[in-house]
All heavy atoms as atom14 arrays in JSON, in Angstrom:
{
  "sequence": "TWRMPTKAECAELLDKCTWTWSNRSGVNGYIVTGPSGNTIFLPASGQR",
  "atom14_mask": [
    [1, 1, 1, 1, 1, 1, 1, 0, 0, 0, 0, 0, 0, 0],
    [1, 1, 1, 1, 1, 1, 1, 1, 1, 1, 1, 1, 1, 1],
    [1, 1, 1, 1, 1, 1, 1, 1, 1, 1, 1, 0, 0, 0],
    [1, 1, 1, 1, 1, 1, 1, 1, 0, 0, 0, 0, 0, 0],
    [1, 1, 1, 1, 1, 1, 1, 0, 0, 0, 0, 0, 0, 0],
    [1, 1, 1, 1, 1, 1, 1, 0, 0, 0, 0, 0, 0, 0],
    [1, 1, 1, 1, 1, 1, 1, 1, 1, 0, 0, 0, 0, 0],
    [1, 1, 1, 1, 1, 0, 0, 0, 0, 0, 0, 0, 0, 0],
    [1, 1, 1, 1, 1, 1, 1, 1, 1, 0, 0, 0, 0, 0],
    [1, 1, 1, 1, 1, 1, 0, 0, 0, 0, 0, 0, 0, 0],
    [1, 1, 1, 1, 1, 0, 0, 0, 0, 0, 0, 0, 0, 0],
    [1, 1, 1, 1, 1, 1, 1, 1, 1, 0, 0, 0, 0, 0],
    [1, 1, 1, 1, 1, 1, 1, 1, 0, 0, 0, 0, 0, 0],
    [1, 1, 1, 1, 1, 1, 1, 1, 0, 0, 0, 0, 0, 0],
    [1, 1, 1, 1, 1, 1, 1, 1, 0, 0, 0, 0, 0, 0],
    [1, 1, 1, 1, 1, 1, 1, 1, 1, 0, 0, 0, 0, 0],
    [1, 1, 1, 1, 1, 1, 0, 0, 0, 0, 0, 0, 0, 0],
    [1, 1, 1, 1, 1, 1, 1, 0, 0, 0, 0, 0, 0, 0],
    [1, 1, 1, 1, 1, 1, 1, 1, 1, 1, 1, 1, 1, 1],
    [1, 1, 1, 1, 1, 1, 1, 0, 0, 0, 0, 0, 0, 0],
    [1, 1, 1, 1, 1, 1, 1, 1, 1, 1, 1, 1, 1, 1],
    [1, 1, 1, 1, 1, 1, 0, 0, 0, 0, 0, 0, 0, 0],
    [1, 1, 1, 1, 1, 1, 1, 1, 0, 0, 0, 0, 0, 0],
    [1, 1, 1, 1, 1, 1, 1, 1, 1, 1, 1, 0, 0, 0],
    [1, 1, 1, 1, 1, 1, 0, 0, 0, 0, 0, 0, 0, 0],
    [1, 1, 1, 1, 0, 0, 0, 0, 0, 0, 0, 0, 0, 0],
    [1, 1, 1, 1, 1, 1, 1, 0, 0, 0, 0, 0, 0, 0],
    [1, 1, 1, 1, 1, 1, 1, 1, 0, 0, 0, 0, 0, 0],
    [1, 1, 1, 1, 0, 0, 0, 0, 0, 0, 0, 0, 0, 0],
    [1, 1, 1, 1, 1, 1, 1, 1, 1, 1, 1, 1, 0, 0],
    [1, 1, 1, 1, 1, 1, 1, 1, 0, 0, 0, 0, 0, 0],
    [1, 1, 1, 1, 1, 1, 1, 0, 0, 0, 0, 0, 0, 0],
    [1, 1, 1, 1, 1, 1, 1, 0, 0, 0, 0, 0, 0, 0],
    [1, 1, 1, 1, 0, 0, 0, 0, 0, 0, 0, 0, 0, 0],
    [1, 1, 1, 1, 1, 1, 1, 0, 0, 0, 0, 0, 0, 0],
    [1, 1, 1, 1, 1, 1, 0, 0, 0, 0, 0, 0, 0, 0],
    [1, 1, 1, 1, 0, 0, 0, 0, 0, 0, 0, 0, 0, 0],
    [1, 1, 1, 1, 1, 1, 1, 1, 0, 0, 0, 0, 0, 0],
    [1, 1, 1, 1, 1, 1, 1, 0, 0, 0, 0, 0, 0, 0],
    [1, 1, 1, 1, 1, 1, 1, 1, 0, 0, 0, 0, 0, 0],
    [1, 1, 1, 1, 1, 1, 1, 1, 1, 1, 1, 0, 0, 0],
    [1, 1, 1, 1, 1, 1, 1, 1, 0, 0, 0, 0, 0, 0],
    [1, 1, 1, 1, 1, 1, 1, 0, 0, 0, 0, 0, 0, 0],
    [1, 1, 1, 1, 1, 0, 0, 0, 0, 0, 0, 0, 0, 0],
    [1, 1, 1, 1, 1, 1, 0, 0, 0, 0, 0, 0, 0, 0],
    [1, 1, 1, 1, 0, 0, 0, 0, 0, 0, 0, 0, 0, 0],
    [1, 1, 1, 1, 1, 1, 1, 1, 1, 0, 0, 0, 0, 0],
    [1, 1, 1, 1, 1, 1, 1, 1, 1, 1, 1, 0, 0, 0]
  ],
  "atom14_positions": [
    [[-7.87, -3.15, -18.33], [-6.42, -3.32, -18.16], [-6.06, -3.64, -16.72], [-4.88, -3.57, -16.35], [-5.66, -2.05, -18.62], [-6.09, -0.93, -17.83], [-5.89, -1.78, -20.09], [0.0, 0.0, 0.0], [0.0, 0.0, 0.0], [0.0, 0.0, 0.0], [0.0, 0.0, 0.0], [0.0, 0.0, 0.0], [0.0, 0.0, 0.0], [0.0, 0.0, 0.0]],
    [[-7.04, -3.98, -15.89], [-6.75, -4.38, -14.52], [-6.01, -5.71, -14.52], [-6.3, -6.62, -15.3], [-8.03, -4.54, -13.72], [-8.71, -3.26, -13.36], [-9.88, -2.78, -13.87], [-8.27, -2.3, -12.4], [-10.2, -1.58, -13.3], [-9.23, -1.25, -12.38], [-7.18, -2.21, -11.55], [-9.11, -0.14, -11.57], [-7.06, -1.1, -10.72], [-8.02, -0.09, -10.74]],
    [[-5.04, -5.82, -13.62], [-4.25, -7.05, -13.49], [-3.56, -7.04, -12.14], [-3.59, -6.03, -11.42], [-3.21, -7.15, -14.61], [-2.27, -5.95, -14.67], [-1.22, -6.11, -15.75], [-0.42, -4.92, -15.93], [0.59, -4.54, -15.16], [0.92, -5.3, -14.12], [1.27, -3.43, -15.4], [0.0, 0.0, 0.0], [0.0, 0.0, 0.0], [0.0, 0.0, 0.0]],
    [[-2.92, -8.16, -11.81], [-2.09, -8.21, -10.6], [-0.78, -7.48, -10.86], [-0.26, -7.5, -11.97], [-1.83, -9.66, -10.22], [-3.07, -10.4, -9.74], [-2.9, -12.22, -9.73], [-1.53, -12.42, -8.57], [0.0, 0.0, 0.0], [0.0, 0.0, 0.0], [0.0, 0.0, 0.0], [0.0, 0.0, 0.0], [0.0, 0.0, 0.0], [0.0, 0.0, 0.0]],
    [[-0.21, -6.83, -9.84], [1.06, -6.12, -10.05], [2.22, -7.08, -10.23], [2.2, -8.22, -9.73], [1.22, -5.32, -8.75], [0.47, -6.1, -7.73], [-0.7, -6.72, -8.46], [0.0, 0.0, 0.0], [0.0, 0.0, 0.0], [0.0, 0.0, 0.0], [0.0, 0.0, 0.0], [0.0, 0.0, 0.0], [0.0, 0.0, 0.0], [0.0, 0.0, 0.0]],
    [[3.23, -6.65, -10.96], [4.47, -7.43, -11.07], [5.33, -7.19, -9.83], [5.07, -6.27, -9.03], [5.26, -7.01, -12.3], [5.67, -5.63, -12.15], [4.43, -7.16, -13.57], [0.0, 0.0, 0.0], [0.0, 0.0, 0.0], [0.0, 0.0, 0.0], [0.0, 0.0, 0.0], [0.0, 0.0, 0.0], [0.0, 0.0, 0.0], [0.0, 0.0, 0.0]],
    [[6.37, -7.99, -9.7], [7.31, -7.77, -8.61], [7.92, -6.37, -8.7], [8.08, -5.68, -7.69], [8.41, -8.83, -8.65], [9.48, -8.65, -7.57], [10.6, -9.66, -7.7], [11.69, -9.41, -6.65], [12.82, -10.36, -6.79], [0.0, 0.0, 0.0], [0.0, 0.0, 0.0], [0.0, 0.0, 0.0], [0.0, 0.0, 0.0], [0.0, 0.0, 0.0]],
    [[8.26, -5.94, -9.92], [8.87, -4.62, -10.11], [7.92, -3.51, -9.68], [8.35, -2.5, -9.09], [9.28, -4.44, -11.57], [0.0, 0.0, 0.0], [0.0, 0.0, 0.0], [0.0, 0.0, 0.0], [0.0, 0.0, 0.0], [0.0, 0.0, 0.0], [0.0, 0.0, 0.0], [0.0, 0.0, 0.0], [0.0, 0.0, 0.0], [0.0, 0.0, 0.0]],
    [[6.63, -3.67, -9.94], [5.65, -2.65, -9.54], [5.45, -2.63, -8.04], [5.23, -1.57, -7.44], [4.35, -2.87, -10.3], [4.47, -2.53, -11.78], [3.44, -3.2, -12.65], [2.67, -4.06, -12.17], [3.4, -2.86, -13.86], [0.0, 0.0, 0.0], [0.0, 0.0, 0.0], [0.0, 0.0, 0.0], [0.0, 0.0, 0.0], [0.0, 0.0, 0.0]],
    [[5.53, -3.79, -7.39], [5.49, -3.83, -5.92], [6.72, -3.14, -5.35], [6.63, -2.39, -4.36], [5.42, -5.28, -5.44], [3.85, -6.12, -5.77], [0.0, 0.0, 0.0], [0.0, 0.0, 0.0], [0.0, 0.0, 0.0], [0.0, 0.0, 0.0], [0.0, 0.0, 0.0], [0.0, 0.0, 0.0], [0.0, 0.0, 0.0], [0.0, 0.0, 0.0]],
    [[7.89, -3.39, -5.95], [9.11, -2.76, -5.47], [9.05, -1.25, -5.65], [9.52, -0.49, -4.79], [10.31, -3.33, -6.23], [0.0, 0.0, 0.0], [0.0, 0.0, 0.0], [0.0, 0.0, 0.0], [0.0, 0.0, 0.0], [0.0, 0.0, 0.0], [0.0, 0.0, 0.0], [0.0, 0.0, 0.0], [0.0, 0.0, 0.0], [0.0, 0.0, 0.0]],
    [[8.44, -0.79, -6.74], [8.27, 0.64, -6.97], [7.38, 1.25, -5.89], [7.65, 2.36, -5.39], [7.67, 0.88, -8.35], [7.46, 2.35, -8.69], [6.75, 2.55, -10.01], [5.74, 1.85, -10.25], [7.16, 3.42, -10.79], [0.0, 0.0, 0.0], [0.0, 0.0, 0.0], [0.0, 0.0, 0.0], [0.0, 0.0, 0.0], [0.0, 0.0, 0.0]],
    [[6.32, 0.54, -5.51], [5.43, 1.02, -4.46], [6.19, 1.17, -3.14], [5.98, 2.12, -2.38], [4.27, 0.05, -4.29], [3.1, 0.51, -3.41], [2.29, 1.57, -4.14], [2.2, -0.66, -3.04], [0.0, 0.0, 0.0], [0.0, 0.0, 0.0], [0.0, 0.0, 0.0], [0.0, 0.0, 0.0], [0.0, 0.0, 0.0], [0.0, 0.0, 0.0]],
    [[7.1, 0.24, -2.87], [7.9, 0.29, -1.65], [8.92, 1.42, -1.7], [9.1, 2.16, -0.72], [8.63, -1.04, -1.45], [7.77, -2.24, -1.03], [8.58, -3.51, -1.16], [7.26, -2.08, 0.39], [0.0, 0.0, 0.0], [0.0, 0.0, 0.0], [0.0, 0.0, 0.0], [0.0, 0.0, 0.0], [0.0, 0.0, 0.0], [0.0, 0.0, 0.0]],
    [[9.6, 1.56, -2.84], [10.74, 2.46, -2.93], [10.35, 3.93, -3.08], [11.06, 4.81, -2.6], [11.64, 2.05, -4.1], [12.27, 0.69, -3.9], [12.33, 0.22, -2.74], [12.7, 0.07, -4.9], [0.0, 0.0, 0.0], [0.0, 0.0, 0.0], [0.0, 0.0, 0.0], [0.0, 0.0, 0.0], [0.0, 0.0, 0.0], [0.0, 0.0, 0.0]],
    [[9.23, 4.19, -3.76], [8.91, 5.57, -4.13], [7.78, 6.19, -3.31], [7.42, 7.33, -3.54], [8.58, 5.65, -5.62], [9.76, 5.31, -6.52], [9.42, 5.53, -7.99], [10.64, 5.23, -8.87], [10.35, 5.45, -10.3], [0.0, 0.0, 0.0], [0.0, 0.0, 0.0], [0.0, 0.0, 0.0], [0.0, 0.0, 0.0], [0.0, 0.0, 0.0]],
    [[7.24, 5.42, -2.36], [6.12, 5.92, -1.56], [6.49, 5.98, -0.07], [7.43, 5.33, 0.38], [4.88, 5.03, -1.73], [4.24, 5.0, -3.41], [0.0, 0.0, 0.0], [0.0, 0.0, 0.0], [0.0, 0.0, 0.0], [0.0, 0.0, 0.0], [0.0, 0.0, 0.0], [0.0, 0.0, 0.0], [0.0, 0.0, 0.0], [0.0, 0.0, 0.0]],
    [[5.73, 6.76, 0.65], [5.87, 6.84, 2.11], [4.84, 5.92, 2.76], [3.64, 5.99, 2.47], [5.64, 8.28, 2.6], [6.59, 9.15, 1.96], [5.82, 8.37, 4.11], [0.0, 0.0, 0.0], [0.0, 0.0, 0.0], [0.0, 0.0, 0.0], [0.0, 0.0, 0.0], [0.0, 0.0, 0.0], [0.0, 0.0, 0.0], [0.0, 0.0, 0.0]],
    [[5.32, 5.03, 3.64], [4.47, 4.05, 4.29], [4.27, 4.42, 5.76], [5.23, 4.56, 6.51], [5.1, 2.66, 4.19], [5.08, 2.1, 2.8], [5.64, 2.64, 1.68], [4.45, 0.89, 2.39], [5.4, 1.85, 0.59], [4.68, 0.76, 0.99], [3.73, -0.1, 3.05], [4.2, -0.32, 0.26], [3.26, -1.19, 2.32], [3.49, -1.28, 0.94]],
    [[3.01, 4.6, 6.16], [2.68, 5.0, 7.53], [1.72, 3.99, 8.14], [0.59, 3.82, 7.67], [2.03, 6.4, 7.54], [2.86, 7.34, 6.86], [1.79, 6.86, 8.97], [0.0, 0.0, 0.0], [0.0, 0.0, 0.0], [0.0, 0.0, 0.0], [0.0, 0.0, 0.0], [0.0, 0.0, 0.0], [0.0, 0.0, 0.0], [0.0, 0.0, 0.0]],
    [[2.2, 3.31, 9.2], [1.34, 2.31, 9.88], [0.19, 3.04, 10.54], [0.37, 4.07, 11.19], [2.15, 1.54, 10.9], [1.39, 0.42, 11.56], [0.82, 0.45, 12.79], [1.13, -0.88, 11.01], [0.22, -0.77, 13.06], [0.39, -1.6, 11.97], [1.45, -1.5, 9.81], [-0.03, -2.91, 11.78], [1.02, -2.81, 9.61], [0.29, -3.5, 10.58]],
    [[-1.01, 2.51, 10.38], [-2.2, 3.22, 10.84], [-3.28, 2.23, 11.2], [-3.16, 1.02, 10.98], [-2.69, 4.18, 9.74], [-3.83, 4.91, 10.16], [0.0, 0.0, 0.0], [0.0, 0.0, 0.0], [0.0, 0.0, 0.0], [0.0, 0.0, 0.0], [0.0, 0.0, 0.0], [0.0, 0.0, 0.0], [0.0, 0.0, 0.0], [0.0, 0.0, 0.0]],
    [[-4.34, 2.74, 11.79], [-5.54, 1.95, 12.07], [-6.72, 2.72, 11.5], [-6.96, 3.86, 11.88], [-5.73, 1.72, 13.57], [-6.93, 0.83, 13.86], [-8.06, 1.25, 13.76], [-6.64, -0.41, 14.22], [0.0, 0.0, 0.0], [0.0, 0.0, 0.0], [0.0, 0.0, 0.0], [0.0, 0.0, 0.0], [0.0, 0.0, 0.0], [0.0, 0.0, 0.0]],
    [[-7.42, 2.09, 10.58], [-8.54, 2.75, 9.93], [-9.79, 1.89, 10.14], [-9.82, 0.72, 9.77], [-8.27, 2.94, 8.44], [-9.4, 3.64, 7.69], [-9.08, 3.8, 6.23], [-8.08, 4.83, 5.99], [-7.72, 5.25, 4.78], [-8.3, 4.72, 3.71], [-6.81, 6.18, 4.65], [0.0, 0.0, 0.0], [0.0, 0.0, 0.0], [0.0, 0.0, 0.0]],
    [[-10.79, 2.48, 10.79], [-12.05, 1.78, 11.08], [-11.8, 0.47, 11.82], [-12.45, -0.55, 11.57], [-12.83, 1.52, 9.78], [-13.12, 2.72, 9.12], [0.0, 0.0, 0.0], [0.0, 0.0, 0.0], [0.0, 0.0, 0.0], [0.0, 0.0, 0.0], [0.0, 0.0, 0.0], [0.0, 0.0, 0.0], [0.0, 0.0, 0.0], [0.0, 0.0, 0.0]],
    [[-10.8, 0.48, 12.72], [-10.49, -0.7, 13.52], [-9.61, -1.71, 12.82], [-9.39, -2.8, 13.36], [0.0, 0.0, 0.0], [0.0, 0.0, 0.0], [0.0, 0.0, 0.0], [0.0, 0.0, 0.0], [0.0, 0.0, 0.0], [0.0, 0.0, 0.0], [0.0, 0.0, 0.0], [0.0, 0.0, 0.0], [0.0, 0.0, 0.0], [0.0, 0.0, 0.0]],
    [[-9.09, -1.38, 11.65], [-8.28, -2.31, 10.87], [-6.85, -1.76, 10.76], [-6.64, -0.61, 10.35], [-8.87, -2.52, 9.46], [-7.96, -3.41, 8.61], [-10.26, -3.11, 9.55], [0.0, 0.0, 0.0], [0.0, 0.0, 0.0], [0.0, 0.0, 0.0], [0.0, 0.0, 0.0], [0.0, 0.0, 0.0], [0.0, 0.0, 0.0], [0.0, 0.0, 0.0]],
    [[-5.86, -2.59, 11.13], [-4.46, -2.2, 11.0], [-4.01, -2.29, 9.55], [-4.48, -3.15, 8.79], [-3.57, -3.09, 11.85], [-3.74, -2.87, 13.33], [-4.09, -1.77, 13.77], [-3.52, -3.91, 14.13], [0.0, 0.0, 0.0], [0.0, 0.0, 0.0], [0.0, 0.0, 0.0], [0.0, 0.0, 0.0], [0.0, 0.0, 0.0], [0.0, 0.0, 0.0]],
    [[-3.08, -1.45, 9.21], [-2.53, -1.5, 7.87], [-1.67, -0.28, 7.59], [-1.36, 0.51, 8.5], [0.0, 0.0, 0.0], [0.0, 0.0, 0.0], [0.0, 0.0, 0.0], [0.0, 0.0, 0.0], [0.0, 0.0, 0.0], [0.0, 0.0, 0.0], [0.0, 0.0, 0.0], [0.0, 0.0, 0.0], [0.0, 0.0, 0.0], [0.0, 0.0, 0.0]],
    [[-1.27, -0.12, 6.35], [-0.42, 1.0, 5.96], [-1.18, 1.98, 5.07], [-1.88, 1.58, 4.13], [0.8, 0.5, 5.18], [1.98, 0.15, 6.06], [2.3, -1.18, 6.3], [2.76, 1.14, 6.64], [3.39, -1.52, 7.1], [3.84, 0.82, 7.44], [4.16, -0.51, 7.67], [5.23, -0.83, 8.46], [0.0, 0.0, 0.0], [0.0, 0.0, 0.0]],
    [[-1.03, 3.27, 5.38], [-1.39, 4.32, 4.44], [-0.16, 4.55, 3.56], [0.92, 4.87, 4.06], [-1.77, 5.63, 5.17], [-3.02, 5.4, 6.02], [-2.01, 6.75, 4.16], [-3.39, 6.6, 6.88], [0.0, 0.0, 0.0], [0.0, 0.0, 0.0], [0.0, 0.0, 0.0], [0.0, 0.0, 0.0], [0.0, 0.0, 0.0], [0.0, 0.0, 0.0]],
    [[-0.32, 4.33, 2.26], [0.79, 4.45, 1.32], [0.58, 5.72, 0.51], [-0.4, 5.85, -0.23], [0.85, 3.22, 0.39], [2.04, 3.34, -0.56], [0.94, 1.93, 1.2], [0.0, 0.0, 0.0], [0.0, 0.0, 0.0], [0.0, 0.0, 0.0], [0.0, 0.0, 0.0], [0.0, 0.0, 0.0], [0.0, 0.0, 0.0], [0.0, 0.0, 0.0]],
    [[1.5, 6.68, 0.68], [1.4, 7.98, 0.02], [2.39, 8.05, -1.12], [3.6, 7.89, -0.93], [1.67, 9.12, 1.02], [0.81, 8.99, 2.14], [1.45, 10.48, 0.36], [0.0, 0.0, 0.0], [0.0, 0.0, 0.0], [0.0, 0.0, 0.0], [0.0, 0.0, 0.0], [0.0, 0.0, 0.0], [0.0, 0.0, 0.0], [0.0, 0.0, 0.0]],
    [[1.87, 8.28, -2.32], [2.73, 8.32, -3.5], [3.34, 9.68, -3.74], [3.02, 10.66, -3.05], [0.0, 0.0, 0.0], [0.0, 0.0, 0.0], [0.0, 0.0, 0.0], [0.0, 0.0, 0.0], [0.0, 0.0, 0.0], [0.0, 0.0, 0.0], [0.0, 0.0, 0.0], [0.0, 0.0, 0.0], [0.0, 0.0, 0.0], [0.0, 0.0, 0.0]],
    [[4.24, 9.8, -4.72], [4.86, 11.08, -5.07], [3.84, 12.15, -5.45], [4.11, 13.34, -5.31], [5.75, 10.73, -6.27], [6.05, 9.27, -6.11], [4.81, 8.68, -5.51], [0.0, 0.0, 0.0], [0.0, 0.0, 0.0], [0.0, 0.0, 0.0], [0.0, 0.0, 0.0], [0.0, 0.0, 0.0], [0.0, 0.0, 0.0], [0.0, 0.0, 0.0]],
    [[2.66, 11.73, -5.92], [1.62, 12.69, -6.31], [0.89, 13.27, -5.1], [0.13, 14.23, -5.23], [0.59, 12.0, -7.22], [-0.12, 11.01, -6.49], [0.0, 0.0, 0.0], [0.0, 0.0, 0.0], [0.0, 0.0, 0.0], [0.0, 0.0, 0.0], [0.0, 0.0, 0.0], [0.0, 0.0, 0.0], [0.0, 0.0, 0.0], [0.0, 0.0, 0.0]],
    [[1.08, 12.65, -3.92], [0.36, 13.06, -2.72], [-0.91, 12.25, -2.48], [-1.5, 12.33, -1.4], [0.0, 0.0, 0.0], [0.0, 0.0, 0.0], [0.0, 0.0, 0.0], [0.0, 0.0, 0.0], [0.0, 0.0, 0.0], [0.0, 0.0, 0.0], [0.0, 0.0, 0.0], [0.0, 0.0, 0.0], [0.0, 0.0, 0.0], [0.0, 0.0, 0.0]],
    [[-1.35, 11.49, -3.47], [-2.52, 10.63, -3.29], [-2.15, 9.4, -2.47], [-0.97, 9.02, -2.4], [-3.08, 10.21, -4.65], [-3.65, 11.37, -5.43], [-4.13, 12.33, -4.85], [-3.59, 11.3, -6.75], [0.0, 0.0, 0.0], [0.0, 0.0, 0.0], [0.0, 0.0, 0.0], [0.0, 0.0, 0.0], [0.0, 0.0, 0.0], [0.0, 0.0, 0.0]],
    [[-3.15, 8.76, -1.87], [-2.89, 7.64, -0.96], [-3.78, 6.45, -1.26], [-4.85, 6.59, -1.85], [-3.12, 8.04, 0.51], [-4.52, 8.32, 0.71], [-2.29, 9.25, 0.89], [0.0, 0.0, 0.0], [0.0, 0.0, 0.0], [0.0, 0.0, 0.0], [0.0, 0.0, 0.0], [0.0, 0.0, 0.0], [0.0, 0.0, 0.0], [0.0, 0.0, 0.0]],
    [[-3.3, 5.27, -0.86], [-4.14, 4.07, -0.77], [-3.93, 3.49, 0.62], [-2.94, 3.8, 1.3], [-3.8, 3.01, -1.84], [-2.33, 2.58, -1.74], [-4.12, 3.54, -3.24], [-1.97, 1.42, -2.65], [0.0, 0.0, 0.0], [0.0, 0.0, 0.0], [0.0, 0.0, 0.0], [0.0, 0.0, 0.0], [0.0, 0.0, 0.0], [0.0, 0.0, 0.0]],
    [[-4.86, 2.64, 1.06], [-4.73, 1.96, 2.34], [-4.63, 0.47, 2.07], [-5.48, -0.12, 1.39], [-5.94, 2.25, 3.24], [-5.87, 1.57, 4.58], [-5.0, 2.02, 5.56], [-6.68, 0.47, 4.85], [-4.92, 1.38, 6.81], [-6.62, -0.16, 6.09], [-5.74, 0.3, 7.07], [0.0, 0.0, 0.0], [0.0, 0.0, 0.0], [0.0, 0.0, 0.0]],
    [[-3.56, -0.16, 2.6], [-3.36, -1.61, 2.48], [-3.58, -2.25, 3.84], [-2.74, -2.12, 4.73], [-1.95, -1.91, 1.98], [-1.61, -1.53, 0.54], [-0.14, -1.81, 0.26], [-2.49, -2.28, -0.45], [0.0, 0.0, 0.0], [0.0, 0.0, 0.0], [0.0, 0.0, 0.0], [0.0, 0.0, 0.0], [0.0, 0.0, 0.0], [0.0, 0.0, 0.0]],
    [[-4.71, -2.94, 4.03], [-4.95, -3.58, 5.33], [-4.02, -4.76, 5.56], [-3.58, -5.42, 4.61], [-6.4, -4.03, 5.23], [-6.66, -4.19, 3.78], [-5.82, -3.15, 3.09], [0.0, 0.0, 0.0], [0.0, 0.0, 0.0], [0.0, 0.0, 0.0], [0.0, 0.0, 0.0], [0.0, 0.0, 0.0], [0.0, 0.0, 0.0], [0.0, 0.0, 0.0]],
    [[-3.71, -5.02, 6.83], [-2.87, -6.17, 7.2], [-3.71, -7.43, 7.09], [-4.35, -7.87, 8.04], [-2.32, -5.99, 8.61], [0.0, 0.0, 0.0], [0.0, 0.0, 0.0], [0.0, 0.0, 0.0], [0.0, 0.0, 0.0], [0.0, 0.0, 0.0], [0.0, 0.0, 0.0], [0.0, 0.0, 0.0], [0.0, 0.0, 0.0], [0.0, 0.0, 0.0]],
    [[-3.7, -8.02, 5.92], [-4.66, -9.06, 5.55], [-4.29, -10.45, 6.03], [-5.12, -11.36, 6.03], [-4.81, -9.09, 4.03], [-3.52, -9.22, 3.43], [0.0, 0.0, 0.0], [0.0, 0.0, 0.0], [0.0, 0.0, 0.0], [0.0, 0.0, 0.0], [0.0, 0.0, 0.0], [0.0, 0.0, 0.0], [0.0, 0.0, 0.0], [0.0, 0.0, 0.0]],
    [[-3.01, -10.66, 6.43], [-2.58, -12.0, 6.79], [-2.62, -12.93, 5.6], [-2.62, -12.49, 4.44], [0.0, 0.0, 0.0], [0.0, 0.0, 0.0], [0.0, 0.0, 0.0], [0.0, 0.0, 0.0], [0.0, 0.0, 0.0], [0.0, 0.0, 0.0], [0.0, 0.0, 0.0], [0.0, 0.0, 0.0], [0.0, 0.0, 0.0], [0.0, 0.0, 0.0]],
    [[-2.67, -14.23, 5.84], [-2.79, -15.19, 4.75], [-3.51, -16.44, 5.25], [-3.75, -16.6, 6.45], [-1.42, -15.55, 4.17], [-0.51, -16.31, 5.11], [0.82, -16.67, 4.43], [1.21, -16.09, 3.43], [1.51, -17.63, 4.99], [0.0, 0.0, 0.0], [0.0, 0.0, 0.0], [0.0, 0.0, 0.0], [0.0, 0.0, 0.0], [0.0, 0.0, 0.0]],
    [[-3.83, -17.35, 4.34], [-4.55, -18.57, 4.69], [-3.77, -19.78, 4.19], [-3.26, -19.79, 3.08], [-5.95, -18.56, 4.08], [-6.82, -17.45, 4.64], [-8.21, -17.44, 4.02], [-9.0, -16.34, 4.57], [-9.71, -16.38, 5.68], [-9.73, -17.5, 6.39], [-10.4, -15.34, 6.09], [0.0, 0.0, 0.0], [0.0, 0.0, 0.0], [0.0, 0.0, 0.0]]
  ]
}
């Protein structure tokens, strides 16, 4: 059931989580903390 997120799911990630700018292993990005307390790290990936 893996897939790309919808716009609504991206908006939910923005609206319902805490975003903390961080550097992890030399890589800039955001630690995103959800209502459950669990986290993911989104690196600043840029684009091509």
